[in-house]
Amino acid sequence: MYGEIIAAWARWAPGRLTPLGWNAADCRGVWESGVPLLPRAPAPIVADDLEELLAVVMERLAVIKQDAVPWLQRVAEAWDQGAIAPAALFPTPGGVGARIAETFGGATEMAAFLAYGTLRPALEAYFAQARSNLGPHDWAFGVCPFCGAPAAFSDVLEDGRRRLACHLCGGGWFFPRTKCPTCASERSEDLLRLEPESQDQGYVIIACGGCGGYLKELDRRVRWNGQSALV
């Protein structure tokens, strides 16, 4: 089901979208306040930039979840009429897609699927220049320092450090292995590792017994040829 979405990403061109040109001092000034970049520097994405992407994602969602068609039609009509803009897909403290879910009802997961499938190429391009401004100690939270979406995957690198990945904008950042990315708990009794008994060594699920949050994780010291965390 993802093939057509990824093909649409490959066809996408930035058009008039200008990457965020902030320098390291600008970015770190925001990060020091504990805020991701996107709320302070909203990406100037216009509806035309996302038209094809949104259409493809909606078609895929309609195929796998046919009872969502009426909901998708309401969202599409509002989009065509300009009642909702690309910024409605941006992350909020309520999560990815929360604004769409609040406005049109429906499951938050469906709204999040629209956001992840539609925004990824645009946000990846928007933050392309700002990526290099992030140092290993500039951000200490479990949400993306660039767009604010929750971490979607965890890598343990060859040097033993954990690097979290954002599936919304393609960002990545270092995060302590002794802390829950969801609730920041450092209680050792809360932190769990679920490992397969035989196959797929290197792949684990890291979970928190306190908040119930979890992430898939790949230990690249064991499986060095695993796919990208963004895949």
C-alpha atoms as a PDB file:
ATOM      1  CA  MET A   1       0.000   0.000   0.000  1.00  0.00           C
ATOM      2  CA  TYR A   2       2.943   2.335   0.500  1.00  0.00           C
ATOM      3  CA  GLY A   3       4.342   1.930  -3.015  1.00  0.00           C
ATOM      4  CA  GLU A   4       2.165   4.578  -4.619  1.00  0.00           C
ATOM      5  CA  ILE A   5       2.724   6.994  -1.761  1.00  0.00           C
ATOM      6  CA  ILE A   6       6.508   6.657  -1.965  1.00  0.00           C
ATOM      7  CA  ALA A   7       6.340   7.025  -5.758  1.00  0.00           C
ATOM      8  CA  ALA A   8       4.392  10.267  -5.263  1.00  0.00           C
ATOM      9  CA  TRP A   9       7.084  11.464  -2.846  1.00  0.00           C
ATOM     10  CA  ALA A  10       9.706  10.772  -5.514  1.00  0.00           C
ATOM     11  CA  ARG A  11       7.783  12.853  -8.082  1.00  0.00           C
ATOM     12  CA  TRP A  12       7.296  15.776  -5.706  1.00  0.00           C
ATOM     13  CA  ALA A  13       9.250  18.998  -6.328  1.00  0.00           C
ATOM     14  CA  PRO A  14       9.664  21.849  -3.811  1.00  0.00           C
ATOM     15  CA  GLY A  15       8.296  24.476  -6.182  1.00  0.00           C
ATOM     16  CA  ARG A  16       8.117  27.805  -4.348  1.00  0.00           C
ATOM     17  CA  LEU A  17       8.894  26.326  -0.936  1.00  0.00           C
ATOM     18  CA  THR A  18      12.048  27.931   0.454  1.00  0.00           C
ATOM     19  CA  PRO A  19      14.055  25.930   3.026  1.00  0.00           C
ATOM     20  CA  LEU A  20      14.330  27.398   6.503  1.00  0.00           C
ATOM     21  CA  GLY A  21      17.525  29.459   6.473  1.00  0.00           C
ATOM     22  CA  TRP A  22      18.118  29.844  10.203  1.00  0.00           C
ATOM     23  CA  ASN A  23      21.694  29.537  11.425  1.00  0.00           C
ATOM     24  CA  ALA A  24      22.844  27.441  14.395  1.00  0.00           C
ATOM     25  CA  ALA A  25      22.366  30.273  16.895  1.00  0.00           C
ATOM     26  CA  ASP A  26      18.792  30.880  15.727  1.00  0.00           C
ATOM     27  CA  CYS A  27      17.902  27.204  16.032  1.00  0.00           C
ATOM     28  CA  ARG A  28      19.570  26.688  19.384  1.00  0.00           C
ATOM     29  CA  GLY A  29      17.821  29.710  20.814  1.00  0.00           C
ATOM     30  CA  VAL A  30      14.504  27.985  20.123  1.00  0.00           C
ATOM     31  CA  TRP A  31      15.667  24.546  21.243  1.00  0.00           C
ATOM     32  CA  GLU A  32      16.928  25.951  24.543  1.00  0.00           C
ATOM     33  CA  SER A  33      13.359  27.016  25.301  1.00  0.00           C
ATOM     34  CA  GLY A  34      12.187  23.422  24.765  1.00  0.00           C
ATOM     35  CA  VAL A  35      10.215  24.194  21.594  1.00  0.00           C
ATOM     36  CA  PRO A  36      10.630  22.539  18.155  1.00  0.00           C
ATOM     37  CA  LEU A  37      11.361  24.759  15.170  1.00  0.00           C
ATOM     38  CA  LEU A  38       8.076  24.374  13.286  1.00  0.00           C
ATOM     39  CA  PRO A  39       5.841  26.245  15.786  1.00  0.00           C
ATOM     40  CA  ARG A  40       8.277  29.188  15.757  1.00  0.00           C
ATOM     41  CA  ALA A  41       8.986  29.078  12.013  1.00  0.00           C
ATOM     42  CA  PRO A  42       5.876  27.628  10.310  1.00  0.00           C
ATOM     43  CA  ALA A  43       6.636  26.130   6.917  1.00  0.00           C
ATOM     44  CA  PRO A  44       5.026  28.290   4.186  1.00  0.00           C
ATOM     45  CA  ILE A  45       3.494  25.291   2.423  1.00  0.00           C
ATOM     46  CA  VAL A  46       0.497  26.100   0.223  1.00  0.00           C
ATOM     47  CA  ALA A  47      -2.296  23.726  -0.742  1.00  0.00           C
ATOM     48  CA  ASP A  48      -1.168  23.467  -4.361  1.00  0.00           C
ATOM     49  CA  ASP A  49       2.183  22.074  -3.181  1.00  0.00           C
ATOM     50  CA  LEU A  50       0.435  19.077  -1.605  1.00  0.00           C
ATOM     51  CA  GLU A  51      -2.467  18.498  -3.974  1.00  0.00           C
ATOM     52  CA  GLU A  52      -1.170  15.327  -5.654  1.00  0.00           C
ATOM     53  CA  LEU A  53       0.259  13.909  -2.437  1.00  0.00           C
ATOM     54  CA  LEU A  54      -2.977  14.347  -0.511  1.00  0.00           C
ATOM     55  CA  ALA A  55      -4.978  12.757  -3.338  1.00  0.00           C
ATOM     56  CA  VAL A  56      -2.746   9.669  -3.423  1.00  0.00           C
ATOM     57  CA  VAL A  57      -2.824   9.237   0.369  1.00  0.00           C
ATOM     58  CA  MET A  58      -6.603   9.594   0.446  1.00  0.00           C
ATOM     59  CA  GLU A  59      -6.984   7.005  -2.317  1.00  0.00           C
ATOM     60  CA  ARG A  60      -4.815   4.536  -0.416  1.00  0.00           C
ATOM     61  CA  LEU A  61      -6.722   5.112   2.817  1.00  0.00           C
ATOM     62  CA  ALA A  62     -10.051   4.635   1.018  1.00  0.00           C
ATOM     63  CA  VAL A  63      -8.855   1.271  -0.298  1.00  0.00           C
ATOM     64  CA  ILE A  64      -7.767  -0.148   3.052  1.00  0.00           C
ATOM     65  CA  LYS A  65     -10.558   1.436   5.103  1.00  0.00           C
ATOM     66  CA  GLN A  66     -13.682   1.717   2.988  1.00  0.00           C
ATOM     67  CA  ASP A  67     -15.857   2.928   5.848  1.00  0.00           C
ATOM     68  CA  ALA A  68     -13.670   6.044   5.966  1.00  0.00           C
ATOM     69  CA  VAL A  69     -14.822   7.243   2.524  1.00  0.00           C
ATOM     70  CA  PRO A  70     -17.509   9.661   3.811  1.00  0.00           C
ATOM     71  CA  TRP A  71     -14.998  11.161   6.241  1.00  0.00           C
ATOM     72  CA  LEU A  72     -12.415  11.510   3.473  1.00  0.00           C
ATOM     73  CA  GLN A  73     -14.972  13.226   1.251  1.00  0.00           C
ATOM     74  CA  ARG A  74     -15.680  15.830   3.949  1.00  0.00           C
ATOM     75  CA  VAL A  75     -11.974  16.521   4.410  1.00  0.00           C
ATOM     76  CA  ALA A  76     -11.415  16.731   0.624  1.00  0.00           C
ATOM     77  CA  GLU A  77     -14.294  19.186   0.169  1.00  0.00           C
ATOM     78  CA  ALA A  78     -13.000  21.414   2.952  1.00  0.00           C
ATOM     79  CA  TRP A  79      -9.515  21.303   1.431  1.00  0.00           C
ATOM     80  CA  ASP A  80     -10.812  22.242  -2.035  1.00  0.00           C
ATOM     81  CA  GLN A  81     -12.827  25.117  -0.572  1.00  0.00           C
ATOM     82  CA  GLY A  82      -9.836  26.437   1.364  1.00  0.00           C
ATOM     83  CA  ALA A  83     -11.514  25.815   4.709  1.00  0.00           C
ATOM     84  CA  ILE A  84      -8.439  23.893   5.867  1.00  0.00           C
ATOM     85  CA  ALA A  85      -4.834  24.589   4.941  1.00  0.00           C
ATOM     86  CA  PRO A  86      -1.637  22.497   5.063  1.00  0.00           C
ATOM     87  CA  ALA A  87      -0.885  23.903   8.523  1.00  0.00           C
ATOM     88  CA  ALA A  88      -3.885  21.946   9.838  1.00  0.00           C
ATOM     89  CA  LEU A  89      -1.761  18.813   9.316  1.00  0.00           C
ATOM     90  CA  PHE A  90       1.129  20.094  11.444  1.00  0.00           C
ATOM     91  CA  PRO A  91       1.770  18.415  14.817  1.00  0.00           C
ATOM     92  CA  THR A  92       0.227  19.884  17.953  1.00  0.00           C
ATOM     93  CA  PRO A  93       0.573  18.895  21.627  1.00  0.00           C
ATOM     94  CA  GLY A  94      -2.439  16.673  20.933  1.00  0.00           C
ATOM     95  CA  GLY A  95      -0.499  14.700  18.351  1.00  0.00           C
ATOM     96  CA  VAL A  96      -0.102  14.465  14.600  1.00  0.00           C
ATOM     97  CA  GLY A  97      -3.389  15.051  12.790  1.00  0.00           C
ATOM     98  CA  ALA A  98      -5.180  16.180  15.954  1.00  0.00           C
ATOM     99  CA  ARG A  99      -6.563  19.340  14.348  1.00  0.00           C
ATOM    100  CA  ILE A 100      -8.120  17.378  11.499  1.00  0.00           C
ATOM    101  CA  ALA A 101      -9.588  14.822  13.879  1.00  0.00           C
ATOM    102  CA  GLU A 102     -11.034  17.544  16.100  1.00  0.00           C
ATOM    103  CA  THR A 103     -12.590  19.388  13.157  1.00  0.00           C
ATOM    104  CA  PHE A 104     -14.029  16.438  11.244  1.00  0.00           C
ATOM    105  CA  GLY A 105     -14.282  13.736  13.875  1.00  0.00           C
ATOM    106  CA  GLY A 106     -13.063  10.286  12.922  1.00  0.00           C
ATOM    107  CA  ALA A 107     -10.117   8.376  14.286  1.00  0.00           C
ATOM    108  CA  THR A 108      -6.945  10.270  15.079  1.00  0.00           C
ATOM    109  CA  GLU A 109      -5.036   7.481  13.308  1.00  0.00           C
ATOM    110  CA  MET A 110      -6.707   8.334   9.978  1.00  0.00           C
ATOM    111  CA  ALA A 111      -5.889  12.013  10.332  1.00  0.00           C
ATOM    112  CA  ALA A 112      -2.304  11.143  11.285  1.00  0.00           C
ATOM    113  CA  PHE A 113      -2.011   8.909   8.214  1.00  0.00           C
ATOM    114  CA  LEU A 114      -3.012  11.865   6.015  1.00  0.00           C
ATOM    115  CA  ALA A 115      -0.413  14.065   7.686  1.00  0.00           C
ATOM    116  CA  TYR A 116       2.453  11.580   7.518  1.00  0.00           C
ATOM    117  CA  GLY A 117       1.754  10.626   3.914  1.00  0.00           C
ATOM    118  CA  THR A 118       1.252  14.187   2.711  1.00  0.00           C
ATOM    119  CA  LEU A 119       3.766  16.339   4.596  1.00  0.00           C
ATOM    120  CA  ARG A 120       6.898  14.224   4.535  1.00  0.00           C
ATOM    121  CA  PRO A 121       8.548  15.509   1.290  1.00  0.00           C
ATOM    122  CA  ALA A 122       7.694  19.151   1.986  1.00  0.00           C
ATOM    123  CA  LEU A 123       8.915  19.181   5.586  1.00  0.00           C
ATOM    124  CA  GLU A 124      12.010  17.205   4.649  1.00  0.00           C
ATOM    125  CA  ALA A 125      12.872  19.892   2.094  1.00  0.00           C
ATOM    126  CA  TYR A 126      11.956  22.733   4.446  1.00  0.00           C
ATOM    127  CA  PHE A 127      14.326  21.575   7.205  1.00  0.00           C
ATOM    128  CA  ALA A 128      17.126  20.410   4.863  1.00  0.00           C
ATOM    129  CA  GLN A 129      19.476  23.281   5.728  1.00  0.00           C
ATOM    130  CA  ALA A 130      18.608  23.382   9.424  1.00  0.00           C
ATOM    131  CA  ARG A 131      19.492  19.721  10.045  1.00  0.00           C
ATOM    132  CA  SER A 132      23.201  20.389  10.445  1.00  0.00           C
ATOM    133  CA  ASN A 133      22.536  22.948  13.213  1.00  0.00           C
ATOM    134  CA  LEU A 134      21.471  20.273  15.680  1.00  0.00           C
ATOM    135  CA  GLY A 135      24.257  19.180  18.001  1.00  0.00           C
ATOM    136  CA  PRO A 136      24.188  15.960  20.055  1.00  0.00           C
ATOM    137  CA  HIS A 137      23.263  17.864  23.233  1.00  0.00           C
ATOM    138  CA  ASP A 138      20.908  20.527  21.845  1.00  0.00           C
ATOM    139  CA  TRP A 139      17.649  18.628  22.349  1.00  0.00           C
ATOM    140  CA  ALA A 140      16.546  16.406  25.227  1.00  0.00           C
ATOM    141  CA  PHE A 141      12.956  15.485  24.381  1.00  0.00           C
ATOM    142  CA  GLY A 142      11.216  12.536  22.746  1.00  0.00           C
ATOM    143  CA  VAL A 143       9.502  14.646  20.081  1.00  0.00           C
ATOM    144  CA  CYS A 144      11.233  15.835  16.924  1.00  0.00           C
ATOM    145  CA  PRO A 145      13.288  19.020  17.410  1.00  0.00           C
ATOM    146  CA  PHE A 146      12.349  20.132  13.907  1.00  0.00           C
ATOM    147  CA  CYS A 147       8.610  19.509  13.482  1.00  0.00           C
ATOM    148  CA  GLY A 148       7.469  18.346  16.933  1.00  0.00           C
ATOM    149  CA  ALA A 149       6.086  14.944  15.900  1.00  0.00           C
ATOM    150  CA  PRO A 150       6.654  12.048  18.311  1.00  0.00           C
ATOM    151  CA  ALA A 151       9.579   9.722  17.705  1.00  0.00           C
ATOM    152  CA  ALA A 152       8.668   6.913  15.308  1.00  0.00           C
ATOM    153  CA  PHE A 153      11.707   4.610  15.435  1.00  0.00           C
ATOM    154  CA  SER A 154      14.856   4.086  17.490  1.00  0.00           C
ATOM    155  CA  ASP A 155      18.345   3.138  16.333  1.00  0.00           C
ATOM    156  CA  VAL A 156      21.228   2.010  18.508  1.00  0.00           C
ATOM    157  CA  LEU A 157      24.292   3.050  16.543  1.00  0.00           C
ATOM    158  CA  GLU A 158      27.685   1.410  16.350  1.00  0.00           C
ATOM    159  CA  ASP A 159      28.990   3.576  19.213  1.00  0.00           C
ATOM    160  CA  GLY A 160      26.079   2.571  21.473  1.00  0.00           C
ATOM    161  CA  ARG A 161      24.161   5.847  21.295  1.00  0.00           C
ATOM    162  CA  ARG A 162      20.414   5.884  20.618  1.00  0.00           C
ATOM    163  CA  ARG A 163      19.171   7.978  17.716  1.00  0.00           C
ATOM    164  CA  LEU A 164      15.446   8.587  17.339  1.00  0.00           C
ATOM    165  CA  ALA A 165      13.823   9.107  13.944  1.00  0.00           C
ATOM    166  CA  CYS A 166      10.866  11.242  12.877  1.00  0.00           C
ATOM    167  CA  HIS A 167       8.670   9.795  10.145  1.00  0.00           C
ATOM    168  CA  LEU A 168       6.873  13.109   9.564  1.00  0.00           C
ATOM    169  CA  CYS A 169       9.809  15.287   8.493  1.00  0.00           C
ATOM    170  CA  GLY A 170      12.728  12.852   8.260  1.00  0.00           C
ATOM    171  CA  GLY A 171      14.585  14.325  11.227  1.00  0.00           C
ATOM    172  CA  GLY A 172      16.789  12.492  13.711  1.00  0.00           C
ATOM    173  CA  TRP A 173      18.263  13.244  17.138  1.00  0.00           C
ATOM    174  CA  PHE A 174      20.167  11.565  19.957  1.00  0.00           C
ATOM    175  CA  PHE A 175      18.274  10.496  23.062  1.00  0.00           C
ATOM    176  CA  PRO A 176      19.420   8.701  26.245  1.00  0.00           C
ATOM    177  CA  ARG A 177      18.928   4.936  26.305  1.00  0.00           C
ATOM    178  CA  THR A 178      18.021   5.150  29.979  1.00  0.00           C
ATOM    179  CA  LYS A 179      14.962   7.357  29.389  1.00  0.00           C
ATOM    180  CA  CYS A 180      11.484   6.728  27.956  1.00  0.00           C
ATOM    181  CA  PRO A 181      11.002   8.828  24.772  1.00  0.00           C
ATOM    182  CA  THR A 182       7.281   9.169  25.513  1.00  0.00           C
ATOM    183  CA  CYS A 183       7.130  10.239  29.169  1.00  0.00           C
ATOM    184  CA  ALA A 184      10.845  10.823  29.969  1.00  0.00           C
ATOM    185  CA  SER A 185      10.759   8.354  32.872  1.00  0.00           C
ATOM    186  CA  GLU A 186      14.187   7.189  33.983  1.00  0.00           C
ATOM    187  CA  ARG A 187      12.900   4.585  36.429  1.00  0.00           C
ATOM    188  CA  SER A 188      14.745   1.405  35.520  1.00  0.00           C
ATOM    189  CA  GLU A 189      11.788  -0.720  36.647  1.00  0.00           C
ATOM    190  CA  ASP A 190       9.570   1.012  34.032  1.00  0.00           C
ATOM    191  CA  LEU A 191      11.845   0.489  31.039  1.00  0.00           C
ATOM    192  CA  LEU A 192      11.285  -2.773  29.170  1.00  0.00           C
ATOM    193  CA  ARG A 193      12.879  -4.537  26.209  1.00  0.00           C
ATOM    194  CA  LEU A 194      10.855  -7.059  24.219  1.00  0.00           C
ATOM    195  CA  GLU A 195      13.142  -9.238  22.136  1.00  0.00           C
ATOM    196  CA  PRO A 196      12.416 -12.067  19.678  1.00  0.00           C
ATOM    197  CA  GLU A 197      13.470 -15.472  20.939  1.00  0.00           C
ATOM    198  CA  SER A 198      15.329 -16.596  17.851  1.00  0.00           C
ATOM    199  CA  GLN A 199      14.848 -14.801  14.517  1.00  0.00           C
ATOM    200  CA  ASP A 200      15.310 -11.129  13.661  1.00  0.00           C
ATOM    201  CA  GLN A 201      18.071 -10.556  16.174  1.00  0.00           C
ATOM    202  CA  GLY A 202      18.841  -6.879  16.593  1.00  0.00           C
ATOM    203  CA  TYR A 203      15.193  -5.844  16.348  1.00  0.00           C
ATOM    204  CA  VAL A 204      13.531  -5.117  19.678  1.00  0.00           C
ATOM    205  CA  ILE A 205      10.636  -3.154  21.111  1.00  0.00           C
ATOM    206  CA  ILE A 206      11.515  -0.672  23.818  1.00  0.00           C
ATOM    207  CA  ALA A 207       8.552   0.003  26.083  1.00  0.00           C
ATOM    208  CA  CYS A 208       7.626   1.849  29.238  1.00  0.00           C
ATOM    209  CA  GLY A 209       5.565   0.182  31.922  1.00  0.00           C
ATOM    210  CA  GLY A 210       4.752   3.587  33.356  1.00  0.00           C
ATOM    211  CA  CYS A 211       3.094   5.301  30.378  1.00  0.00           C
ATOM    212  CA  GLY A 212       2.531   2.331  28.054  1.00  0.00           C
ATOM    213  CA  GLY A 213       4.477   3.968  25.223  1.00  0.00           C
ATOM    214  CA  TYR A 214       6.708   1.902  22.966  1.00  0.00           C
ATOM    215  CA  LEU A 215       9.007   2.132  19.943  1.00  0.00           C
ATOM    216  CA  LYS A 216      10.506  -0.349  17.542  1.00  0.00           C
ATOM    217  CA  GLU A 217      14.282  -0.292  17.793  1.00  0.00           C
ATOM    218  CA  LEU A 218      17.142  -1.673  15.713  1.00  0.00           C
ATOM    219  CA  ASP A 219      20.514  -2.385  17.292  1.00  0.00           C
ATOM    220  CA  ARG A 220      22.881  -1.743  14.398  1.00  0.00           C
ATOM    221  CA  ARG A 221      25.774  -3.259  16.324  1.00  0.00           C
ATOM    222  CA  VAL A 222      24.017  -6.597  15.800  1.00  0.00           C
ATOM    223  CA  ARG A 223      22.337  -5.992  12.430  1.00  0.00           C
ATOM    224  CA  TRP A 224      24.526  -3.501  10.597  1.00  0.00           C
ATOM    225  CA  ASN A 225      22.742  -3.947   7.248  1.00  0.00           C
ATOM    226  CA  GLY A 226      19.232  -3.066   8.472  1.00  0.00           C
ATOM    227  CA  GLN A 227      17.118  -0.635   6.489  1.00  0.00           C
ATOM    228  CA  SER A 228      17.048   3.090   7.196  1.00  0.00           C
ATOM    229  CA  ALA A 229      15.060   4.181  10.236  1.00  0.00           C
ATOM    230  CA  LEU A 230      13.059   6.393   7.872  1.00  0.00           C
ATOM    231  CA  VAL A 231      11.989   3.308   5.916  1.00  0.00           C
END
